[in-house]
Amino acid sequence: MELTVNGKPESHPDALTVEQLLTTLDLAGKPCAVEVNKQLIRKPNHNAHTLADGDTVEIVTFVGGG
């Protein structure tokens, strides 16, 4: 399966949910916002939203500071 993640092409052998993708990127459990094909995927839906071949995924992580 071919995805574009934050502007970079990625290849994955199997279909993934948003939650599984975040796990492969070491972002599981970290605060972030995920958009698939310009549509926000809310955190409660990360485990149910299955990515499709050709999807464009944008992930924004939050960084605290002061």
Protein backbone atom coordinates (compact mmCIF):
# COMPACT_ATOMS: atom_id res chain seq x y z
CA MET A 1 0.00 0.00 0.00
CA GLU A 2 1.37 3.41 -0.98
CA LEU A 3 0.75 6.43 1.25
CA THR A 4 2.01 9.98 1.36
CA VAL A 5 2.80 10.91 4.96
CA ASN A 6 3.69 14.53 5.65
CA GLY A 7 4.65 14.98 2.01
CA LYS A 8 6.87 11.89 1.77
CA PRO A 9 5.94 8.66 -0.03
CA GLU A 10 5.80 5.54 2.12
CA SER A 11 5.17 1.93 1.26
CA HIS A 12 3.46 -0.50 3.66
CA PRO A 13 2.88 -4.20 2.98
CA ASP A 14 -0.63 -4.30 4.47
CA ALA A 15 -3.58 -2.03 5.07
CA LEU A 16 -3.25 0.02 8.25
CA THR A 17 -5.54 1.94 10.54
CA VAL A 18 -4.51 5.43 11.58
CA GLU A 19 -3.65 4.01 15.00
CA GLN A 20 -1.36 1.37 13.46
CA LEU A 21 0.36 3.99 11.32
CA LEU A 22 1.01 6.15 14.39
CA THR A 23 2.50 3.11 16.12
CA THR A 24 4.88 2.46 13.21
CA LEU A 25 5.96 6.11 13.41
CA ASP A 26 6.52 5.91 17.21
CA LEU A 27 3.72 8.41 17.77
CA ALA A 28 1.23 6.12 19.53
CA GLY A 29 -0.14 7.77 22.67
CA LYS A 30 1.49 11.11 21.89
CA PRO A 31 -0.62 14.21 21.34
CA CYS A 32 -1.09 14.76 17.63
CA ALA A 33 -3.66 15.66 15.01
CA VAL A 34 -4.18 13.44 11.98
CA GLU A 35 -5.70 14.47 8.68
CA VAL A 36 -6.41 11.95 5.89
CA ASN A 37 -7.13 13.40 2.46
CA LYS A 38 -7.72 16.80 4.09
CA GLN A 39 -10.27 15.39 6.54
CA LEU A 40 -9.55 15.47 10.28
CA ILE A 41 -9.69 12.04 11.91
CA ARG A 42 -10.61 12.41 15.56
CA LYS A 43 -8.61 10.42 18.09
CA PRO A 44 -11.54 8.13 19.08
CA ASN A 45 -11.70 7.05 15.41
CA HIS A 46 -7.97 6.34 14.92
CA ASN A 47 -8.45 2.61 15.53
CA ALA A 48 -11.46 2.36 13.19
CA HIS A 49 -10.27 4.47 10.24
CA THR A 50 -8.52 2.19 7.74
CA LEU A 51 -6.16 3.89 5.34
CA ALA A 52 -6.48 3.15 1.62
CA ASP A 53 -3.86 2.91 -1.10
CA GLY A 54 -3.00 6.41 -2.30
CA ASP A 55 -4.19 8.24 0.82
CA THR A 56 -2.45 11.45 1.86
CA VAL A 57 -1.85 11.67 5.59
CA GLU A 58 -0.75 14.77 7.47
CA ILE A 59 0.32 14.39 11.10
CA VAL A 60 0.94 17.37 13.34
CA THR A 61 2.53 16.76 16.73
CA PHE A 62 2.21 19.17 19.60
CA VAL A 63 5.25 20.46 21.43
CA GLY A 64 5.00 22.28 24.73
CA GLY A 65 7.37 24.94 25.87
CA GLY A 66 7.62 28.22 27.55
